[in-house]
């Protein structure tokens, strides 16, 4: 039997590449002045993607009173940064279906977590004013891609990781002991293979240790806090306490206090109630 790490790295190489349209959209969005027509021209190359993006634009999550019938309208009403994230959300959703040995229920759960992380990251960015909110959404959506890889290709080892964690170790420590590296590093390796922006790759790599981030520590702190907030919400907590330990470094970097999260948690619950189309991708 191959060592787990070697097998998992091989499986990463076998995953389909990130859609070319989405990669190009990300490249364009990195420019200081994004030209909407250029962005729309890239998206329209993929009719199926265009249709899904317009479906999301018309969902309850955005709450427009009239139908949005074109990408031009979507860009004008939502802004180009939000349009970029609709493309990324639609593109990322494909990786949470029919890969490896993960069960449909497990894949659905991971996708729900990813969307919840994304929405939470956007809300935290809005609250602290230190990170562009749509970039926070993107990073939150992608931060746990490594968990997706493990769920598909290391199911036989999940119980082993859980047993190690039950002895008082963190999930990161348990994964590193069992595999030689943890899900955050796996996610970063996958993003490197997909040639996604360095700032996102670095954020994914260090989202459990934001003080170690080398590109944008404040963005990394934001998605760390988003995961903490999302974990509490998904566990059904009342937001008086958070289910993950909050990194003191993340709070300092983001300029926030643990007490700030109760109100944000209420907003998160409200937004998720309207996010059915996002969750159904």
C-alpha atoms as a PDB file:
ATOM      1  CA  UNK A   1       0.000   0.000   0.000  1.00  0.00           C
ATOM      2  CA  UNK A   2       1.303   3.468  -0.877  1.00  0.00           C
ATOM      3  CA  UNK A   3       2.017   5.888   1.962  1.00  0.00           C
ATOM      4  CA  UNK A   4      -1.060   8.147   2.447  1.00  0.00           C
ATOM      5  CA  UNK A   5       0.736  11.371   1.555  1.00  0.00           C
ATOM      6  CA  UNK A   6       2.160  10.016  -1.703  1.00  0.00           C
ATOM      7  CA  UNK A   7      -1.243   8.667  -2.716  1.00  0.00           C
ATOM      8  CA  UNK A   8      -3.041  11.917  -1.896  1.00  0.00           C
ATOM      9  CA  UNK A   9      -0.522  14.045  -3.806  1.00  0.00           C
ATOM     10  CA  UNK A  10      -1.031  11.756  -6.805  1.00  0.00           C
ATOM     11  CA  UNK A  11      -4.793  12.223  -6.523  1.00  0.00           C
ATOM     12  CA  UNK A  12      -4.380  16.014  -6.460  1.00  0.00           C
ATOM     13  CA  UNK A  13      -2.569  15.721  -9.773  1.00  0.00           C
ATOM     14  CA  UNK A  14      -5.473  13.723 -11.205  1.00  0.00           C
ATOM     15  CA  UNK A  15      -8.136  16.305 -10.339  1.00  0.00           C
ATOM     16  CA  UNK A  16      -9.588  18.261 -13.218  1.00  0.00           C
ATOM     17  CA  UNK A  17      -7.987  21.691 -13.679  1.00  0.00           C
ATOM     18  CA  UNK A  18      -9.817  24.759 -12.437  1.00  0.00           C
ATOM     19  CA  UNK A  19     -12.064  26.001 -15.281  1.00  0.00           C
ATOM     20  CA  UNK A  20     -10.160  28.216 -17.693  1.00  0.00           C
ATOM     21  CA  UNK A  21     -12.895  30.836 -17.720  1.00  0.00           C
ATOM     22  CA  UNK A  22     -12.810  31.134 -13.926  1.00  0.00           C
ATOM     23  CA  UNK A  23      -9.009  31.387 -13.920  1.00  0.00           C
ATOM     24  CA  UNK A  24      -9.112  34.180 -16.499  1.00  0.00           C
ATOM     25  CA  UNK A  25     -11.838  35.971 -14.545  1.00  0.00           C
ATOM     26  CA  UNK A  26      -9.621  35.846 -11.447  1.00  0.00           C
ATOM     27  CA  UNK A  27      -6.708  37.281 -13.413  1.00  0.00           C
ATOM     28  CA  UNK A  28      -8.841  40.165 -14.635  1.00  0.00           C
ATOM     29  CA  UNK A  29     -10.229  40.830 -11.165  1.00  0.00           C
ATOM     30  CA  UNK A  30      -6.685  41.270  -9.845  1.00  0.00           C
ATOM     31  CA  UNK A  31      -6.295  44.381 -11.979  1.00  0.00           C
ATOM     32  CA  UNK A  32      -6.805  47.701 -10.208  1.00  0.00           C
ATOM     33  CA  UNK A  33      -9.337  48.819 -12.792  1.00  0.00           C
ATOM     34  CA  UNK A  34     -11.481  45.893 -13.887  1.00  0.00           C
ATOM     35  CA  UNK A  35     -13.133  46.526 -17.247  1.00  0.00           C
ATOM     36  CA  UNK A  36     -16.676  45.089 -16.975  1.00  0.00           C
ATOM     37  CA  UNK A  37     -17.099  44.436 -20.697  1.00  0.00           C
ATOM     38  CA  UNK A  38     -13.846  42.484 -20.834  1.00  0.00           C
ATOM     39  CA  UNK A  39     -14.954  40.420 -17.852  1.00  0.00           C
ATOM     40  CA  UNK A  40     -18.359  39.724 -19.362  1.00  0.00           C
ATOM     41  CA  UNK A  41     -16.808  38.750 -22.708  1.00  0.00           C
ATOM     42  CA  UNK A  42     -14.792  36.043 -20.930  1.00  0.00           C
ATOM     43  CA  UNK A  43     -17.790  34.677 -18.987  1.00  0.00           C
ATOM     44  CA  UNK A  44     -20.031  34.530 -22.045  1.00  0.00           C
ATOM     45  CA  UNK A  45     -17.647  32.104 -23.734  1.00  0.00           C
ATOM     46  CA  UNK A  46     -19.216  29.453 -21.467  1.00  0.00           C
ATOM     47  CA  UNK A  47     -23.021  29.418 -21.986  1.00  0.00           C
ATOM     48  CA  UNK A  48     -23.654  26.942 -19.156  1.00  0.00           C
ATOM     49  CA  UNK A  49     -21.660  29.080 -16.734  1.00  0.00           C
ATOM     50  CA  UNK A  50     -23.468  32.203 -17.898  1.00  0.00           C
ATOM     51  CA  UNK A  51     -26.823  30.547 -17.242  1.00  0.00           C
ATOM     52  CA  UNK A  52     -25.851  29.470 -13.743  1.00  0.00           C
ATOM     53  CA  UNK A  53     -24.475  32.908 -12.889  1.00  0.00           C
ATOM     54  CA  UNK A  54     -27.733  34.557 -14.014  1.00  0.00           C
ATOM     55  CA  UNK A  55     -29.717  32.034 -11.982  1.00  0.00           C
ATOM     56  CA  UNK A  56     -27.763  33.016  -8.869  1.00  0.00           C
ATOM     57  CA  UNK A  57     -28.222  36.715  -9.648  1.00  0.00           C
ATOM     58  CA  UNK A  58     -31.977  36.150  -9.611  1.00  0.00           C
ATOM     59  CA  UNK A  59     -31.957  34.124  -6.404  1.00  0.00           C
ATOM     60  CA  UNK A  60     -33.470  35.177  -3.084  1.00  0.00           C
ATOM     61  CA  UNK A  61     -29.957  35.770  -1.764  1.00  0.00           C
ATOM     62  CA  UNK A  62     -29.651  38.994  -3.794  1.00  0.00           C
ATOM     63  CA  UNK A  63     -33.319  39.908  -3.541  1.00  0.00           C
ATOM     64  CA  UNK A  64     -33.821  42.006  -6.676  1.00  0.00           C
ATOM     65  CA  UNK A  65     -37.434  42.920  -7.421  1.00  0.00           C
ATOM     66  CA  UNK A  66     -37.019  42.504 -11.167  1.00  0.00           C
ATOM     67  CA  UNK A  67     -35.422  39.797 -13.267  1.00  0.00           C
ATOM     68  CA  UNK A  68     -31.789  40.227 -14.272  1.00  0.00           C
ATOM     69  CA  UNK A  69     -31.613  39.030 -17.860  1.00  0.00           C
ATOM     70  CA  UNK A  70     -27.997  39.727 -18.828  1.00  0.00           C
ATOM     71  CA  UNK A  71     -24.496  39.752 -17.413  1.00  0.00           C
ATOM     72  CA  UNK A  72     -24.319  43.486 -18.167  1.00  0.00           C
ATOM     73  CA  UNK A  73     -27.271  44.079 -15.855  1.00  0.00           C
ATOM     74  CA  UNK A  74     -25.728  41.807 -13.242  1.00  0.00           C
ATOM     75  CA  UNK A  75     -22.451  43.711 -13.358  1.00  0.00           C
ATOM     76  CA  UNK A  76     -24.212  47.065 -13.064  1.00  0.00           C
ATOM     77  CA  UNK A  77     -26.443  46.025 -10.173  1.00  0.00           C
ATOM     78  CA  UNK A  78     -24.043  43.829  -8.221  1.00  0.00           C
ATOM     79  CA  UNK A  79     -20.666  45.219  -9.212  1.00  0.00           C
ATOM     80  CA  UNK A  80     -17.889  43.433 -11.031  1.00  0.00           C
ATOM     81  CA  UNK A  81     -16.302  42.009  -7.863  1.00  0.00           C
ATOM     82  CA  UNK A  82     -19.521  40.249  -6.893  1.00  0.00           C
ATOM     83  CA  UNK A  83     -19.922  39.020 -10.463  1.00  0.00           C
ATOM     84  CA  UNK A  84     -16.436  37.506 -10.222  1.00  0.00           C
ATOM     85  CA  UNK A  85     -17.435  35.641  -7.072  1.00  0.00           C
ATOM     86  CA  UNK A  86     -20.571  34.290  -8.697  1.00  0.00           C
ATOM     87  CA  UNK A  87     -18.354  32.795 -11.401  1.00  0.00           C
ATOM     88  CA  UNK A  88     -15.995  31.328  -8.797  1.00  0.00           C
ATOM     89  CA  UNK A  89     -18.840  29.928  -6.705  1.00  0.00           C
ATOM     90  CA  UNK A  90     -20.374  28.263  -9.741  1.00  0.00           C
ATOM     91  CA  UNK A  91     -16.995  26.889 -10.862  1.00  0.00           C
ATOM     92  CA  UNK A  92     -15.958  25.623  -7.435  1.00  0.00           C
ATOM     93  CA  UNK A  93     -19.255  23.819  -6.908  1.00  0.00           C
ATOM     94  CA  UNK A  94     -18.340  21.184  -9.503  1.00  0.00           C
ATOM     95  CA  UNK A  95     -15.541  19.837  -7.297  1.00  0.00           C
ATOM     96  CA  UNK A  96     -17.999  18.913  -4.568  1.00  0.00           C
ATOM     97  CA  UNK A  97     -19.758  16.326  -6.733  1.00  0.00           C
ATOM     98  CA  UNK A  98     -18.840  12.877  -7.978  1.00  0.00           C
ATOM     99  CA  UNK A  99     -15.141  12.761  -7.143  1.00  0.00           C
ATOM    100  CA  UNK A 100     -13.307   9.972  -5.359  1.00  0.00           C
ATOM    101  CA  UNK A 101     -15.063   7.888  -2.728  1.00  0.00           C
ATOM    102  CA  UNK A 102     -16.773  10.638  -0.723  1.00  0.00           C
ATOM    103  CA  UNK A 103     -20.483  10.123  -0.109  1.00  0.00           C
ATOM    104  CA  UNK A 104     -23.071  12.553  -1.529  1.00  0.00           C
ATOM    105  CA  UNK A 105     -24.016  13.536   2.030  1.00  0.00           C
ATOM    106  CA  UNK A 106     -20.407  14.309   2.898  1.00  0.00           C
ATOM    107  CA  UNK A 107     -19.873  16.339  -0.256  1.00  0.00           C
ATOM    108  CA  UNK A 108     -23.077  18.297   0.401  1.00  0.00           C
ATOM    109  CA  UNK A 109     -21.922  19.021   3.952  1.00  0.00           C
ATOM    110  CA  UNK A 110     -18.518  20.268   2.790  1.00  0.00           C
ATOM    111  CA  UNK A 111     -20.106  22.525   0.181  1.00  0.00           C
ATOM    112  CA  UNK A 112     -22.451  23.987   2.794  1.00  0.00           C
ATOM    113  CA  UNK A 113     -19.440  24.704   5.000  1.00  0.00           C
ATOM    114  CA  UNK A 114     -17.585  26.347   2.130  1.00  0.00           C
ATOM    115  CA  UNK A 115     -20.500  28.646   1.259  1.00  0.00           C
ATOM    116  CA  UNK A 116     -20.995  29.449   4.950  1.00  0.00           C
ATOM    117  CA  UNK A 117     -17.297  30.315   5.283  1.00  0.00           C
ATOM    118  CA  UNK A 118     -17.532  32.576   2.234  1.00  0.00           C
ATOM    119  CA  UNK A 119     -20.603  34.454   3.449  1.00  0.00           C
ATOM    120  CA  UNK A 120     -19.132  34.774   6.953  1.00  0.00           C
ATOM    121  CA  UNK A 121     -15.847  36.106   5.567  1.00  0.00           C
ATOM    122  CA  UNK A 122     -17.679  38.757   3.571  1.00  0.00           C
ATOM    123  CA  UNK A 123     -19.635  39.849   6.679  1.00  0.00           C
ATOM    124  CA  UNK A 124     -16.486  40.061   8.810  1.00  0.00           C
ATOM    125  CA  UNK A 125     -14.725  42.082   6.111  1.00  0.00           C
ATOM    126  CA  UNK A 126     -17.671  44.468   6.010  1.00  0.00           C
ATOM    127  CA  UNK A 127     -17.527  44.787   9.803  1.00  0.00           C
ATOM    128  CA  UNK A 128     -13.803  45.411  10.156  1.00  0.00           C
ATOM    129  CA  UNK A 129     -13.339  47.493   7.017  1.00  0.00           C
ATOM    130  CA  UNK A 130      -9.767  46.243   6.602  1.00  0.00           C
ATOM    131  CA  UNK A 131     -10.280  43.756   3.743  1.00  0.00           C
ATOM    132  CA  UNK A 132     -12.087  44.040   0.407  1.00  0.00           C
ATOM    133  CA  UNK A 133     -15.261  42.058   1.109  1.00  0.00           C
ATOM    134  CA  UNK A 134     -15.453  40.180  -2.197  1.00  0.00           C
ATOM    135  CA  UNK A 135     -11.836  39.038  -1.896  1.00  0.00           C
ATOM    136  CA  UNK A 136     -12.710  37.796   1.600  1.00  0.00           C
ATOM    137  CA  UNK A 137     -15.646  35.866   0.104  1.00  0.00           C
ATOM    138  CA  UNK A 138     -13.351  34.212  -2.460  1.00  0.00           C
ATOM    139  CA  UNK A 139     -10.784  33.213   0.148  1.00  0.00           C
ATOM    140  CA  UNK A 140     -13.463  31.912   2.491  1.00  0.00           C
ATOM    141  CA  UNK A 141     -15.006  29.806  -0.263  1.00  0.00           C
ATOM    142  CA  UNK A 142     -11.677  28.137  -1.091  1.00  0.00           C
ATOM    143  CA  UNK A 143     -10.019  27.929   2.318  1.00  0.00           C
ATOM    144  CA  UNK A 144     -10.846  24.270   2.998  1.00  0.00           C
ATOM    145  CA  UNK A 145     -10.237  22.703  -0.399  1.00  0.00           C
ATOM    146  CA  UNK A 146      -7.746  20.428   1.350  1.00  0.00           C
ATOM    147  CA  UNK A 147     -10.548  18.929   3.439  1.00  0.00           C
ATOM    148  CA  UNK A 148     -12.355  18.127   0.196  1.00  0.00           C
ATOM    149  CA  UNK A 149      -9.297  16.219  -1.061  1.00  0.00           C
ATOM    150  CA  UNK A 150      -9.032  14.250   2.184  1.00  0.00           C
ATOM    151  CA  UNK A 151     -12.744  13.462   2.159  1.00  0.00           C
ATOM    152  CA  UNK A 152     -12.451  11.964  -1.309  1.00  0.00           C
ATOM    153  CA  UNK A 153      -9.159  10.169  -1.202  1.00  0.00           C
ATOM    154  CA  UNK A 154      -8.339   9.460   2.433  1.00  0.00           C
ATOM    155  CA  UNK A 155     -11.612   8.205   3.836  1.00  0.00           C
ATOM    156  CA  UNK A 156      -9.986   5.136   5.338  1.00  0.00           C
ATOM    157  CA  UNK A 157      -7.751   7.395   7.394  1.00  0.00           C
ATOM    158  CA  UNK A 158     -10.396   9.778   8.689  1.00  0.00           C
ATOM    159  CA  UNK A 159     -11.150   7.606  11.710  1.00  0.00           C
ATOM    160  CA  UNK A 160      -7.423   7.484  12.507  1.00  0.00           C
ATOM    161  CA  UNK A 161      -7.184  11.276  12.371  1.00  0.00           C
ATOM    162  CA  UNK A 162     -10.287  11.565  14.575  1.00  0.00           C
ATOM    163  CA  UNK A 163      -8.817   9.117  17.101  1.00  0.00           C
ATOM    164  CA  UNK A 164      -5.624  11.177  17.344  1.00  0.00           C
ATOM    165  CA  UNK A 165      -7.612  14.390  17.765  1.00  0.00           C
ATOM    166  CA  UNK A 166      -9.674  12.749  20.511  1.00  0.00           C
ATOM    167  CA  UNK A 167      -6.495  12.423  22.555  1.00  0.00           C
ATOM    168  CA  UNK A 168      -6.350  16.183  22.965  1.00  0.00           C
ATOM    169  CA  UNK A 169      -4.652  17.209  19.734  1.00  0.00           C
ATOM    170  CA  UNK A 170      -5.996  19.796  17.307  1.00  0.00           C
ATOM    171  CA  UNK A 171      -7.248  18.682  13.899  1.00  0.00           C
ATOM    172  CA  UNK A 172      -4.191  20.273  12.299  1.00  0.00           C
ATOM    173  CA  UNK A 173      -1.850  18.339  14.621  1.00  0.00           C
ATOM    174  CA  UNK A 174      -3.730  15.086  14.052  1.00  0.00           C
ATOM    175  CA  UNK A 175      -3.676  15.403  10.261  1.00  0.00           C
ATOM    176  CA  UNK A 176      -0.001  16.277  10.257  1.00  0.00           C
ATOM    177  CA  UNK A 177       0.783  13.254  12.419  1.00  0.00           C
ATOM    178  CA  UNK A 178      -1.276  10.892  10.244  1.00  0.00           C
ATOM    179  CA  UNK A 179      -0.298  12.292   6.835  1.00  0.00           C
ATOM    180  CA  UNK A 180       2.813  14.366   7.206  1.00  0.00           C
ATOM    181  CA  UNK A 181       0.880  17.555   6.382  1.00  0.00           C
ATOM    182  CA  UNK A 182      -2.536  19.042   7.111  1.00  0.00           C
ATOM    183  CA  UNK A 183      -5.538  20.010   5.018  1.00  0.00           C
ATOM    184  CA  UNK A 184      -4.522  23.685   4.753  1.00  0.00           C
ATOM    185  CA  UNK A 185      -1.243  22.729   3.090  1.00  0.00           C
ATOM    186  CA  UNK A 186      -3.029  20.261   0.822  1.00  0.00           C
ATOM    187  CA  UNK A 187      -5.451  22.979  -0.245  1.00  0.00           C
ATOM    188  CA  UNK A 188      -2.585  25.361  -0.990  1.00  0.00           C
ATOM    189  CA  UNK A 189      -0.854  22.714  -3.097  1.00  0.00           C
ATOM    190  CA  UNK A 190      -4.027  22.163  -5.095  1.00  0.00           C
ATOM    191  CA  UNK A 191      -4.409  25.902  -5.654  1.00  0.00           C
ATOM    192  CA  UNK A 192      -0.783  26.135  -6.767  1.00  0.00           C
ATOM    193  CA  UNK A 193      -1.475  23.386  -9.286  1.00  0.00           C
ATOM    194  CA  UNK A 194      -4.496  25.334 -10.514  1.00  0.00           C
ATOM    195  CA  UNK A 195      -2.304  28.463 -10.782  1.00  0.00           C
ATOM    196  CA  UNK A 196      -4.668  30.540  -8.657  1.00  0.00           C
ATOM    197  CA  UNK A 197      -3.459  33.901  -7.286  1.00  0.00           C
ATOM    198  CA  UNK A 198      -0.639  33.795  -4.742  1.00  0.00           C
ATOM    199  CA  UNK A 199      -2.573  35.847  -2.205  1.00  0.00           C
ATOM    200  CA  UNK A 200      -5.350  33.240  -2.139  1.00  0.00           C
ATOM    201  CA  UNK A 201      -2.929  30.324  -1.996  1.00  0.00           C
ATOM    202  CA  UNK A 202      -1.038  31.897   0.903  1.00  0.00           C
ATOM    203  CA  UNK A 203      -4.286  32.637   2.729  1.00  0.00           C
ATOM    204  CA  UNK A 204      -5.442  29.028   2.381  1.00  0.00           C
ATOM    205  CA  UNK A 205      -2.051  27.712   3.539  1.00  0.00           C
ATOM    206  CA  UNK A 206      -2.032  29.782   6.730  1.00  0.00           C
ATOM    207  CA  UNK A 207      -5.699  30.202   7.585  1.00  0.00           C
ATOM    208  CA  UNK A 208      -5.169  28.292  10.847  1.00  0.00           C
ATOM    209  CA  UNK A 209      -2.115  30.437  11.696  1.00  0.00           C
ATOM    210  CA  UNK A 210      -2.829  33.887  10.206  1.00  0.00           C
ATOM    211  CA  UNK A 211       0.162  35.472  11.908  1.00  0.00           C
ATOM    212  CA  UNK A 212       2.376  33.323   9.649  1.00  0.00           C
ATOM    213  CA  UNK A 213       0.818  34.558   6.392  1.00  0.00           C
ATOM    214  CA  UNK A 214       3.341  36.227   4.112  1.00  0.00           C
ATOM    215  CA  UNK A 215       1.112  38.015   1.571  1.00  0.00           C
ATOM    216  CA  UNK A 216      -2.000  39.367   3.319  1.00  0.00           C
ATOM    217  CA  UNK A 217      -2.178  38.487   7.043  1.00  0.00           C
ATOM    218  CA  UNK A 218      -5.334  40.571   7.543  1.00  0.00           C
ATOM    219  CA  UNK A 219      -7.192  38.644   4.828  1.00  0.00           C
ATOM    220  CA  UNK A 220      -5.925  35.400   6.360  1.00  0.00           C
ATOM    221  CA  UNK A 221      -7.108  36.504   9.802  1.00  0.00           C
ATOM    222  CA  UNK A 222     -10.513  37.339   8.328  1.00  0.00           C
ATOM    223  CA  UNK A 223     -11.073  33.861   6.891  1.00  0.00           C
ATOM    224  CA  UNK A 224      -9.750  32.281  10.100  1.00  0.00           C
ATOM    225  CA  UNK A 225     -12.415  34.168  12.031  1.00  0.00           C
ATOM    226  CA  UNK A 226     -15.003  33.294   9.382  1.00  0.00           C
ATOM    227  CA  UNK A 227     -14.342  29.595   9.898  1.00  0.00           C
ATOM    228  CA  UNK A 228     -14.711  30.055  13.641  1.00  0.00           C
ATOM    229  CA  UNK A 229     -17.982  31.901  13.188  1.00  0.00           C
ATOM    230  CA  UNK A 230     -19.275  29.394  10.630  1.00  0.00           C
ATOM    231  CA  UNK A 231     -18.425  26.439  12.873  1.00  0.00           C
ATOM    232  CA  UNK A 232     -20.492  27.929  15.671  1.00  0.00           C
ATOM    233  CA  UNK A 233     -23.420  28.611  13.351  1.00  0.00           C
ATOM    234  CA  UNK A 234     -23.352  25.174  11.726  1.00  0.00           C
ATOM    235  CA  UNK A 235     -23.225  23.571  15.161  1.00  0.00           C
ATOM    236  CA  UNK A 236     -26.346  25.486  16.135  1.00  0.00           C
ATOM    237  CA  UNK A 237     -24.688  27.611  18.804  1.00  0.00           C
ATOM    238  CA  UNK A 238     -26.334  30.782  20.006  1.00  0.00           C
ATOM    239  CA  UNK A 239     -23.171  32.752  19.196  1.00  0.00           C
ATOM    240  CA  UNK A 240     -22.566  33.618  22.838  1.00  0.00           C
ATOM    241  CA  UNK A 241     -19.539  31.357  22.562  1.00  0.00           C
ATOM    242  CA  UNK A 242     -17.639  30.205  19.491  1.00  0.00           C
ATOM    243  CA  UNK A 243     -17.023  26.499  18.948  1.00  0.00           C
ATOM    244  CA  UNK A 244     -13.443  26.923  17.705  1.00  0.00           C
ATOM    245  CA  UNK A 245     -10.769  28.649  19.708  1.00  0.00           C
ATOM    246  CA  UNK A 246     -10.357  32.159  18.342  1.00  0.00           C
ATOM    247  CA  UNK A 247      -6.811  33.095  17.412  1.00  0.00           C
ATOM    248  CA  UNK A 248      -5.687  36.117  19.437  1.00  0.00           C
ATOM    249  CA  UNK A 249      -3.441  37.056  16.508  1.00  0.00           C
ATOM    250  CA  UNK A 250      -6.434  36.972  14.144  1.00  0.00           C
ATOM    251  CA  UNK A 251      -8.421  39.278  16.401  1.00  0.00           C
ATOM    252  CA  UNK A 252      -5.529  41.708  16.621  1.00  0.00           C
ATOM    253  CA  UNK A 253      -4.900  41.683  12.877  1.00  0.00           C
ATOM    254  CA  UNK A 254      -8.576  42.239  12.099  1.00  0.00           C
ATOM    255  CA  UNK A 255      -9.131  44.820  14.824  1.00  0.00           C
ATOM    256  CA  UNK A 256     -12.041  42.845  16.242  1.00  0.00           C
ATOM    257  CA  UNK A 257     -13.156  41.459  19.586  1.00  0.00           C
ATOM    258  CA  UNK A 258     -14.792  38.110  20.288  1.00  0.00           C
ATOM    259  CA  UNK A 259     -17.880  40.009  21.468  1.00  0.00           C
ATOM    260  CA  UNK A 260     -18.345  41.410  17.933  1.00  0.00           C
ATOM    261  CA  UNK A 261     -19.387  38.039  16.577  1.00  0.00           C
ATOM    262  CA  UNK A 262     -22.829  37.708  18.100  1.00  0.00           C
ATOM    263  CA  UNK A 263     -24.346  40.374  15.861  1.00  0.00           C
ATOM    264  CA  UNK A 264     -22.440  39.122  12.812  1.00  0.00           C
ATOM    265  CA  UNK A 265     -23.698  35.622  13.580  1.00  0.00           C
ATOM    266  CA  UNK A 266     -27.304  36.849  13.426  1.00  0.00           C
ATOM    267  CA  UNK A 267     -26.606  38.408  10.029  1.00  0.00           C
ATOM    268  CA  UNK A 268     -24.967  35.177   8.865  1.00  0.00           C
ATOM    269  CA  UNK A 269     -28.005  33.111   9.823  1.00  0.00           C
ATOM    270  CA  UNK A 270     -30.283  35.531   7.977  1.00  0.00           C
ATOM    271  CA  UNK A 271     -28.190  35.441   4.806  1.00  0.00           C
ATOM    272  CA  UNK A 272     -27.887  31.662   4.801  1.00  0.00           C
ATOM    273  CA  UNK A 273     -31.668  31.333   4.940  1.00  0.00           C
ATOM    274  CA  UNK A 274     -31.747  33.059   1.543  1.00  0.00           C
ATOM    275  CA  UNK A 275     -28.811  31.159   0.045  1.00  0.00           C
ATOM    276  CA  UNK A 276     -30.644  28.049  -1.179  1.00  0.00           C
ATOM    277  CA  UNK A 277     -29.472  28.438  -4.776  1.00  0.00           C
ATOM    278  CA  UNK A 278     -25.856  28.835  -3.682  1.00  0.00           C
ATOM    279  CA  UNK A 279     -26.058  25.698  -1.579  1.00  0.00           C
ATOM    280  CA  UNK A 280     -27.716  23.745  -4.399  1.00  0.00           C
ATOM    281  CA  UNK A 281     -24.848  24.206  -6.889  1.00  0.00           C
END
